[in-house]
Amino acid sequence: MENRGELLRELMAVFDELPAPLRAAINYAPEPLDPKELAALCRRHGAANVLAMIELKLKRRSRLASPGLQAC
């Protein structure tokens, strides 16, 4: 995932729906998590589909924002 800021915004939008242990791991990480570390945490806590859905949403948004492309 290219833009860490976009990832974090989308993740915060669904944060309350994440499993409690995953929320705690994110909140109490000793350093800010990069996308790879976040993906590993999600897999470890059974929420790997969360990042997949966010990545898909960001890719769609990126394609729609590209010049010359129109929404169907």
PDB file of N, CA and C in Angstrom:
ATOM      1  N   MET A   1       0.852  -1.161   0.000  1.00  0.00           N
ATOM      2  CA  MET A   1       0.000   0.000   0.000  1.00  0.00           C
ATOM      3  C   MET A   1       0.898   1.223   0.000  1.00  0.00           C
ATOM      4  N   GLU A   2       0.649   2.137  -0.903  1.00  0.00           N
ATOM      5  CA  GLU A   2       1.561   3.246  -1.105  1.00  0.00           C
ATOM      6  C   GLU A   2       1.422   4.349  -0.065  1.00  0.00           C
ATOM      7  N   ASN A   3       0.232   4.768   0.230  1.00  0.00           N
ATOM      8  CA  ASN A   3       0.039   5.930   1.094  1.00  0.00           C
ATOM      9  C   ASN A   3      -0.380   5.507   2.491  1.00  0.00           C
ATOM     10  N   ARG A   4       0.549   5.627   3.428  1.00  0.00           N
ATOM     11  CA  ARG A   4       0.281   5.216   4.807  1.00  0.00           C
ATOM     12  C   ARG A   4      -0.856   6.029   5.410  1.00  0.00           C
ATOM     13  N   GLY A   5      -0.932   7.330   5.083  1.00  0.00           N
ATOM     14  CA  GLY A   5      -1.987   8.190   5.609  1.00  0.00           C
ATOM     15  C   GLY A   5      -3.374   7.721   5.199  1.00  0.00           C
ATOM     16  N   GLU A   6      -3.520   7.351   3.927  1.00  0.00           N
ATOM     17  CA  GLU A   6      -4.814   6.848   3.449  1.00  0.00           C
ATOM     18  C   GLU A   6      -5.179   5.558   4.159  1.00  0.00           C
ATOM     19  N   LEU A   7      -4.214   4.683   4.315  1.00  0.00           N
ATOM     20  CA  LEU A   7      -4.443   3.414   5.002  1.00  0.00           C
ATOM     21  C   LEU A   7      -4.942   3.668   6.419  1.00  0.00           C
ATOM     22  N   LEU A   8      -4.264   4.552   7.130  1.00  0.00           N
ATOM     23  CA  LEU A   8      -4.650   4.818   8.514  1.00  0.00           C
ATOM     24  C   LEU A   8      -6.041   5.445   8.610  1.00  0.00           C
ATOM     25  N   ARG A   9      -6.369   6.353   7.704  1.00  0.00           N
ATOM     26  CA  ARG A   9      -7.716   6.951   7.709  1.00  0.00           C
ATOM     27  C   ARG A   9      -8.789   5.883   7.529  1.00  0.00           C
ATOM     28  N   GLU A  10      -8.573   4.991   6.571  1.00  0.00           N
ATOM     29  CA  GLU A  10      -9.550   3.931   6.316  1.00  0.00           C
ATOM     30  C   GLU A  10      -9.627   2.955   7.486  1.00  0.00           C
ATOM     31  N   LEU A  11      -8.484   2.650   8.067  1.00  0.00           N
ATOM     32  CA  LEU A  11      -8.467   1.736   9.203  1.00  0.00           C
ATOM     33  C   LEU A  11      -9.208   2.342  10.389  1.00  0.00           C
ATOM     34  N   MET A  12      -9.013   3.620  10.631  1.00  0.00           N
ATOM     35  CA  MET A  12      -9.700   4.271  11.749  1.00  0.00           C
ATOM     36  C   MET A  12     -11.215   4.297  11.523  1.00  0.00           C
ATOM     37  N   ALA A  13     -11.637   4.304  10.268  1.00  0.00           N
ATOM     38  CA  ALA A  13     -13.071   4.295   9.967  1.00  0.00           C
ATOM     39  C   ALA A  13     -13.731   2.998  10.428  1.00  0.00           C
ATOM     40  N   VAL A  14     -12.976   1.904  10.457  1.00  0.00           N
ATOM     41  CA  VAL A  14     -13.539   0.608  10.855  1.00  0.00           C
ATOM     42  C   VAL A  14     -12.949   0.110  12.173  1.00  0.00           C
ATOM     43  N   PHE A  15     -12.187   0.957  12.849  1.00  0.00           N
ATOM     44  CA  PHE A  15     -11.441   0.550  14.033  1.00  0.00           C
ATOM     45  C   PHE A  15     -12.317  -0.110  15.091  1.00  0.00           C
ATOM     46  N   ASP A  16     -13.477   0.452  15.378  1.00  0.00           N
ATOM     47  CA  ASP A  16     -14.348  -0.085  16.427  1.00  0.00           C
ATOM     48  C   ASP A  16     -14.881  -1.482  16.098  1.00  0.00           C
ATOM     49  N   GLU A  17     -14.837  -1.847  14.827  1.00  0.00           N
ATOM     50  CA  GLU A  17     -15.329  -3.159  14.415  1.00  0.00           C
ATOM     51  C   GLU A  17     -14.236  -4.236  14.451  1.00  0.00           C
ATOM     52  N   LEU A  18     -12.987  -3.829  14.654  1.00  0.00           N
ATOM     53  CA  LEU A  18     -11.885  -4.793  14.699  1.00  0.00           C
ATOM     54  C   LEU A  18     -11.941  -5.594  15.988  1.00  0.00           C
ATOM     55  N   PRO A  19     -11.392  -6.809  15.982  1.00  0.00           N
ATOM     56  CA  PRO A  19     -11.333  -7.594  17.216  1.00  0.00           C
ATOM     57  C   PRO A  19     -10.573  -6.824  18.305  1.00  0.00           C
ATOM     58  N   ALA A  20     -11.036  -6.937  19.538  1.00  0.00           N
ATOM     59  CA  ALA A  20     -10.441  -6.194  20.656  1.00  0.00           C
ATOM     60  C   ALA A  20      -8.927  -6.415  20.788  1.00  0.00           C
ATOM     61  N   PRO A  21      -8.422  -7.654  20.661  1.00  0.00           N
ATOM     62  CA  PRO A  21      -6.967  -7.830  20.772  1.00  0.00           C
ATOM     63  C   PRO A  21      -6.197  -7.086  19.672  1.00  0.00           C
ATOM     64  N   LEU A  22      -6.780  -7.004  18.482  1.00  0.00           N
ATOM     65  CA  LEU A  22      -6.128  -6.277  17.390  1.00  0.00           C
ATOM     66  C   LEU A  22      -6.126  -4.779  17.685  1.00  0.00           C
ATOM     67  N   ARG A  23      -7.233  -4.251  18.179  1.00  0.00           N
ATOM     68  CA  ARG A  23      -7.285  -2.826  18.542  1.00  0.00           C
ATOM     69  C   ARG A  23      -6.220  -2.511  19.593  1.00  0.00           C
ATOM     70  N   ALA A  24      -6.094  -3.374  20.582  1.00  0.00           N
ATOM     71  CA  ALA A  24      -5.101  -3.166  21.635  1.00  0.00           C
ATOM     72  C   ALA A  24      -3.684  -3.212  21.060  1.00  0.00           C
ATOM     73  N   ALA A  25      -3.432  -4.159  20.174  1.00  0.00           N
ATOM     74  CA  ALA A  25      -2.102  -4.279  19.575  1.00  0.00           C
ATOM     75  C   ALA A  25      -1.751  -3.038  18.760  1.00  0.00           C
ATOM     76  N   ILE A  26      -2.726  -2.483  18.061  1.00  0.00           N
ATOM     77  CA  ILE A  26      -2.501  -1.263  17.288  1.00  0.00           C
ATOM     78  C   ILE A  26      -2.270  -0.085  18.233  1.00  0.00           C
ATOM     79  N   ASN A  27      -3.120   0.030  19.230  1.00  0.00           N
ATOM     80  CA  ASN A  27      -3.025   1.161  20.162  1.00  0.00           C
ATOM     81  C   ASN A  27      -1.729   1.168  20.953  1.00  0.00           C
ATOM     82  N   TYR A  28      -1.245  -0.002  21.326  1.00  0.00           N
ATOM     83  CA  TYR A  28      -0.090  -0.079  22.215  1.00  0.00           C
ATOM     84  C   TYR A  28       1.198  -0.503  21.518  1.00  0.00           C
ATOM     85  N   ALA A  29       1.227  -0.396  20.207  1.00  0.00           N
ATOM     86  CA  ALA A  29       2.459  -0.706  19.476  1.00  0.00           C
ATOM     87  C   ALA A  29       3.542   0.281  19.910  1.00  0.00           C
ATOM     88  N   PRO A  30       4.766  -0.204  20.132  1.00  0.00           N
ATOM     89  CA  PRO A  30       5.826   0.685  20.608  1.00  0.00           C
ATOM     90  C   PRO A  30       6.206   1.773  19.603  1.00  0.00           C
ATOM     91  N   GLU A  31       5.982   1.514  18.326  1.00  0.00           N
ATOM     92  CA  GLU A  31       6.286   2.471  17.259  1.00  0.00           C
ATOM     93  C   GLU A  31       5.127   2.474  16.274  1.00  0.00           C
ATOM     94  N   PRO A  32       4.969   3.568  15.492  1.00  0.00           N
ATOM     95  CA  PRO A  32       3.923   3.573  14.466  1.00  0.00           C
ATOM     96  C   PRO A  32       4.083   2.372  13.527  1.00  0.00           C
ATOM     97  N   LEU A  33       2.990   1.742  13.206  1.00  0.00           N
ATOM     98  CA  LEU A  33       3.019   0.552  12.360  1.00  0.00           C
ATOM     99  C   LEU A  33       3.068   0.940  10.890  1.00  0.00           C
ATOM    100  N   ASP A  34       3.927   0.265  10.141  1.00  0.00           N
ATOM    101  CA  ASP A  34       3.893   0.452   8.699  1.00  0.00           C
ATOM    102  C   ASP A  34       2.874  -0.548   8.139  1.00  0.00           C
ATOM    103  N   PRO A  35       2.489  -0.408   6.879  1.00  0.00           N
ATOM    104  CA  PRO A  35       1.468  -1.299   6.326  1.00  0.00           C
ATOM    105  C   PRO A  35       1.796  -2.788   6.450  1.00  0.00           C
ATOM    106  N   LYS A  36       3.064  -3.181   6.301  1.00  0.00           N
ATOM    107  CA  LYS A  36       3.426  -4.598   6.403  1.00  0.00           C
ATOM    108  C   LYS A  36       3.234  -5.105   7.832  1.00  0.00           C
ATOM    109  N   GLU A  37       3.628  -4.309   8.805  1.00  0.00           N
ATOM    110  CA  GLU A  37       3.442  -4.710  10.198  1.00  0.00           C
ATOM    111  C   GLU A  37       1.959  -4.789  10.545  1.00  0.00           C
ATOM    112  N   LEU A  38       1.198  -3.857  10.024  1.00  0.00           N
ATOM    113  CA  LEU A  38      -0.237  -3.856  10.261  1.00  0.00           C
ATOM    114  C   LEU A  38      -0.895  -5.094   9.646  1.00  0.00           C
ATOM    115  N   ALA A  39      -0.456  -5.464   8.461  1.00  0.00           N
ATOM    116  CA  ALA A  39      -0.984  -6.668   7.812  1.00  0.00           C
ATOM    117  C   ALA A  39      -0.659  -7.911   8.639  1.00  0.00           C
ATOM    118  N   ALA A  40       0.548  -7.976   9.175  1.00  0.00           N
ATOM    119  CA  ALA A  40       0.929  -9.118  10.002  1.00  0.00           C
ATOM    120  C   ALA A  40       0.061  -9.191  11.257  1.00  0.00           C
ATOM    121  N   LEU A  41      -0.194  -8.047  11.891  1.00  0.00           N
ATOM    122  CA  LEU A  41      -1.066  -8.028  13.065  1.00  0.00           C
ATOM    123  C   LEU A  41      -2.477  -8.492  12.717  1.00  0.00           C
ATOM    124  N   CYS A  42      -2.986  -8.011  11.594  1.00  0.00           N
ATOM    125  CA  CYS A  42      -4.338  -8.405  11.179  1.00  0.00           C
ATOM    126  C   CYS A  42      -4.424  -9.902  10.955  1.00  0.00           C
ATOM    127  N   ARG A  43      -3.416 -10.480  10.292  1.00  0.00           N
ATOM    128  CA  ARG A  43      -3.412 -11.931  10.070  1.00  0.00           C
ATOM    129  C   ARG A  43      -3.346 -12.671  11.406  1.00  0.00           C
ATOM    130  N   ARG A  44      -2.513 -12.198  12.296  1.00  0.00           N
ATOM    131  CA  ARG A  44      -2.343 -12.843  13.599  1.00  0.00           C
ATOM    132  C   ARG A  44      -3.638 -12.828  14.410  1.00  0.00           C
ATOM    133  N   HIS A  45      -4.441 -11.792  14.223  1.00  0.00           N
ATOM    134  CA  HIS A  45      -5.672 -11.654  15.003  1.00  0.00           C
ATOM    135  C   HIS A  45      -6.923 -12.021  14.207  1.00  0.00           C
ATOM    136  N   GLY A  46      -6.745 -12.728  13.098  1.00  0.00           N
ATOM    137  CA  GLY A  46      -7.879 -13.219  12.330  1.00  0.00           C
ATOM    138  C   GLY A  46      -8.656 -12.145  11.597  1.00  0.00           C
ATOM    139  N   ALA A  47      -7.996 -11.057  11.224  1.00  0.00           N
ATOM    140  CA  ALA A  47      -8.687  -9.969  10.532  1.00  0.00           C
ATOM    141  C   ALA A  47      -7.961  -9.577   9.245  1.00  0.00           C
ATOM    142  N   ALA A  48      -7.370 -10.546   8.570  1.00  0.00           N
ATOM    143  CA  ALA A  48      -6.629 -10.264   7.343  1.00  0.00           C
ATOM    144  C   ALA A  48      -7.525  -9.658   6.268  1.00  0.00           C
ATOM    145  N   ASN A  49      -8.802  -9.995   6.293  1.00  0.00           N
ATOM    146  CA  ASN A  49      -9.717  -9.467   5.285  1.00  0.00           C
ATOM    147  C   ASN A  49      -9.921  -7.963   5.424  1.00  0.00           C
ATOM    148  N   VAL A  50      -9.660  -7.402   6.602  1.00  0.00           N
ATOM    149  CA  VAL A  50      -9.834  -5.963   6.818  1.00  0.00           C
ATOM    150  C   VAL A  50      -8.901  -5.174   5.899  1.00  0.00           C
ATOM    151  N   LEU A  51      -7.622  -5.517   5.888  1.00  0.00           N
ATOM    152  CA  LEU A  51      -6.689  -4.798   5.026  1.00  0.00           C
ATOM    153  C   LEU A  51      -6.970  -5.056   3.554  1.00  0.00           C
ATOM    154  N   ALA A  52      -7.399  -6.257   3.218  1.00  0.00           N
ATOM    155  CA  ALA A  52      -7.731  -6.557   1.827  1.00  0.00           C
ATOM    156  C   ALA A  52      -8.884  -5.675   1.352  1.00  0.00           C
ATOM    157  N   MET A  53      -9.889  -5.495   2.193  1.00  0.00           N
ATOM    158  CA  MET A  53     -11.028  -4.646   1.820  1.00  0.00           C
ATOM    159  C   MET A  53     -10.602  -3.184   1.703  1.00  0.00           C
ATOM    160  N   ILE A  54      -9.758  -2.727   2.622  1.00  0.00           N
ATOM    161  CA  ILE A  54      -9.284  -1.347   2.573  1.00  0.00           C
ATOM    162  C   ILE A  54      -8.448  -1.120   1.318  1.00  0.00           C
ATOM    163  N   GLU A  55      -7.560  -2.057   1.010  1.00  0.00           N
ATOM    164  CA  GLU A  55      -6.722  -1.929  -0.174  1.00  0.00           C
ATOM    165  C   GLU A  55      -7.568  -1.885  -1.439  1.00  0.00           C
ATOM    166  N   LEU A  56      -8.589  -2.730  -1.519  1.00  0.00           N
ATOM    167  CA  LEU A  56      -9.486  -2.730  -2.660  1.00  0.00           C
ATOM    168  C   LEU A  56     -10.202  -1.385  -2.788  1.00  0.00           C
ATOM    169  N   LYS A  57     -10.674  -0.869  -1.681  1.00  0.00           N
ATOM    170  CA  LYS A  57     -11.371   0.423  -1.690  1.00  0.00           C
ATOM    171  C   LYS A  57     -10.437   1.531  -2.177  1.00  0.00           C
ATOM    172  N   LEU A  58      -9.201   1.555  -1.694  1.00  0.00           N
ATOM    173  CA  LEU A  58      -8.252   2.582  -2.111  1.00  0.00           C
ATOM    174  C   LEU A  58      -7.880   2.447  -3.586  1.00  0.00           C
ATOM    175  N   LYS A  59      -7.753   1.218  -4.076  1.00  0.00           N
ATOM    176  CA  LYS A  59      -7.455   1.010  -5.498  1.00  0.00           C
ATOM    177  C   LYS A  59      -8.604   1.504  -6.363  1.00  0.00           C
ATOM    178  N   ARG A  60      -9.843   1.207  -5.959  1.00  0.00           N
ATOM    179  CA  ARG A  60     -11.005   1.691  -6.714  1.00  0.00           C
ATOM    180  C   ARG A  60     -11.037   3.212  -6.738  1.00  0.00           C
ATOM    181  N   ARG A  61     -10.794   3.811  -5.572  1.00  0.00           N
ATOM    182  CA  ARG A  61     -10.800   5.269  -5.480  1.00  0.00           C
ATOM    183  C   ARG A  61      -9.730   5.867  -6.383  1.00  0.00           C
ATOM    184  N   SER A  62      -8.569   5.241  -6.414  1.00  0.00           N
ATOM    185  CA  SER A  62      -7.471   5.708  -7.238  1.00  0.00           C
ATOM    186  C   SER A  62      -7.811   5.622  -8.725  1.00  0.00           C
ATOM    187  N   ARG A  63      -8.427   4.508  -9.116  1.00  0.00           N
ATOM    188  CA  ARG A  63      -8.822   4.345 -10.532  1.00  0.00           C
ATOM    189  C   ARG A  63      -9.869   5.364 -10.929  1.00  0.00           C
ATOM    190  N   LEU A  64     -10.835   5.633 -10.065  1.00  0.00           N
ATOM    191  CA  LEU A  64     -11.888   6.590 -10.382  1.00  0.00           C
ATOM    192  C   LEU A  64     -11.355   8.013 -10.441  1.00  0.00           C
ATOM    193  N   ALA A  65     -10.302   8.286  -9.699  1.00  0.00           N
ATOM    194  CA  ALA A  65      -9.721   9.627  -9.684  1.00  0.00           C
ATOM    195  C   ALA A  65      -8.779   9.852 -10.862  1.00  0.00           C
ATOM    196  N   SER A  66      -8.394   8.787 -11.575  1.00  0.00           N
ATOM    197  CA  SER A  66      -7.487   8.915 -12.696  1.00  0.00           C
ATOM    198  C   SER A  66      -8.182   9.628 -13.852  1.00  0.00           C
ATOM    199  N   PRO A  67      -7.483  10.570 -14.514  1.00  0.00           N
ATOM    200  CA  PRO A  67      -8.077  11.266 -15.650  1.00  0.00           C
ATOM    201  C   PRO A  67      -8.458  10.293 -16.761  1.00  0.00           C
ATOM    202  N   GLY A  68      -9.563  10.561 -17.386  1.00  0.00           N
ATOM    203  CA  GLY A  68      -9.994   9.747 -18.517  1.00  0.00           C
ATOM    204  C   GLY A  68     -10.818   8.540 -18.145  1.00  0.00           C
ATOM    205  N   LEU A  69     -10.954   8.233 -16.869  1.00  0.00           N
ATOM    206  CA  LEU A  69     -11.758   7.107 -16.438  1.00  0.00           C
ATOM    207  C   LEU A  69     -13.053   7.602 -15.839  1.00  0.00           C
ATOM    208  N   GLN A  70     -14.108   6.871 -16.080  1.00  0.00           N
ATOM    209  CA  GLN A  70     -15.395   7.246 -15.548  1.00  0.00           C
ATOM    210  C   GLN A  70     -15.951   6.120 -14.698  1.00  0.00           C
ATOM    211  N   ALA A  71     -16.757   6.480 -13.730  1.00  0.00           N
ATOM    212  CA  ALA A  71     -17.417   5.457 -12.912  1.00  0.00           C
ATOM    213  C   ALA A  71     -18.492   4.784 -13.744  1.00  0.00           C
ATOM    214  N   CYS A  72     -18.672   3.501 -13.526  1.00  0.00           N
ATOM    215  CA  CYS A  72     -19.704   2.748 -14.259  1.00  0.00           C
ATOM    216  C   CYS A  72     -21.051   2.934 -13.625  1.00  0.00           C
TER     217      CYS A  72
END
